[in-house]
Amino acid sequence: MSYYKEAQSGGGGLTEVSTDATLTGNGTSGDPLSVVDNYLETVAVDGITITGDGTVADPLVAVGGGGGGVLSAARFVVAGVPPFPVPTTGFIATDTFGSVVFNTGTDFDFNSGGVRFLNDGLYKITLQLTVYKPLNNARRLVQVKGGLTSVFGGAFVVSTFDSTDYQANTEGYDTVNLEFLVQAVVNDTYFIKYEVSGTAYSLPEYEIADFEQVSYLNVERLA
């Protein structure tokens, strides 16, 4: 598998032109396709918009760069993760702690503890985790690291970090967000991992917040 942390954009263009006419140009806005004589029979495209009728006066032009878009998508919402002390390291099994809100295609499932890709392709994973810090009477530093692993219980493949210094007699929430592009092959699986550190606290009162879908994993197939 290979993966990227920067957004990638898909391309698109003409895939087939059938004609008994003579064509000039390459189909771009700078050099549009033009029919020198006779007429076009068919034009096949891969999702782009074509303007014009193929005549010299109104040539064919590909609009918008073509391609792109989301082929399928799913959303998993985290819920029911047991409270924990600090420091702690945890893994959120998708077949135990949460539910699939929607799944528009057949490209992924969440039945093996993480998001598993069922087809080769380019995917974007968006993860948000929100940690609740309880009210206590001392100043506390809370450091939250969240991300993805390729093996349940393993090291981070990608992660993000947030830190808050809470004054005494306060409570609050710390949220981490990341987006991750991966060129996946069939059965590649990614798992949710979190680490909460900072000021030690022995009582299991910190939580992965689950109200109003504040902790979730979205996945989209882009290509």
Foldseek 3Di string as FASTA:
>chain_A
DDWDQDDDFDAWDWDDWADPFDWWFDQAPVTFIATPDDATDDTDIDAWDWWFRRHPVTTIHTPDRGAWDFPWKWKWFFADDFFAWPWDKDWQFSCPGTGIPDTGDDQWDRNGRFTFGAAFAKKKKKWKWKKKFDAAFAWWKKKKKKAKDQDVVDDHPDIDIDIDTGHHRDIDMDMDIGMIIDRDHGGRGITIMMTMHTDGGHDRDMDGDRPPRRGMMMMTGTD
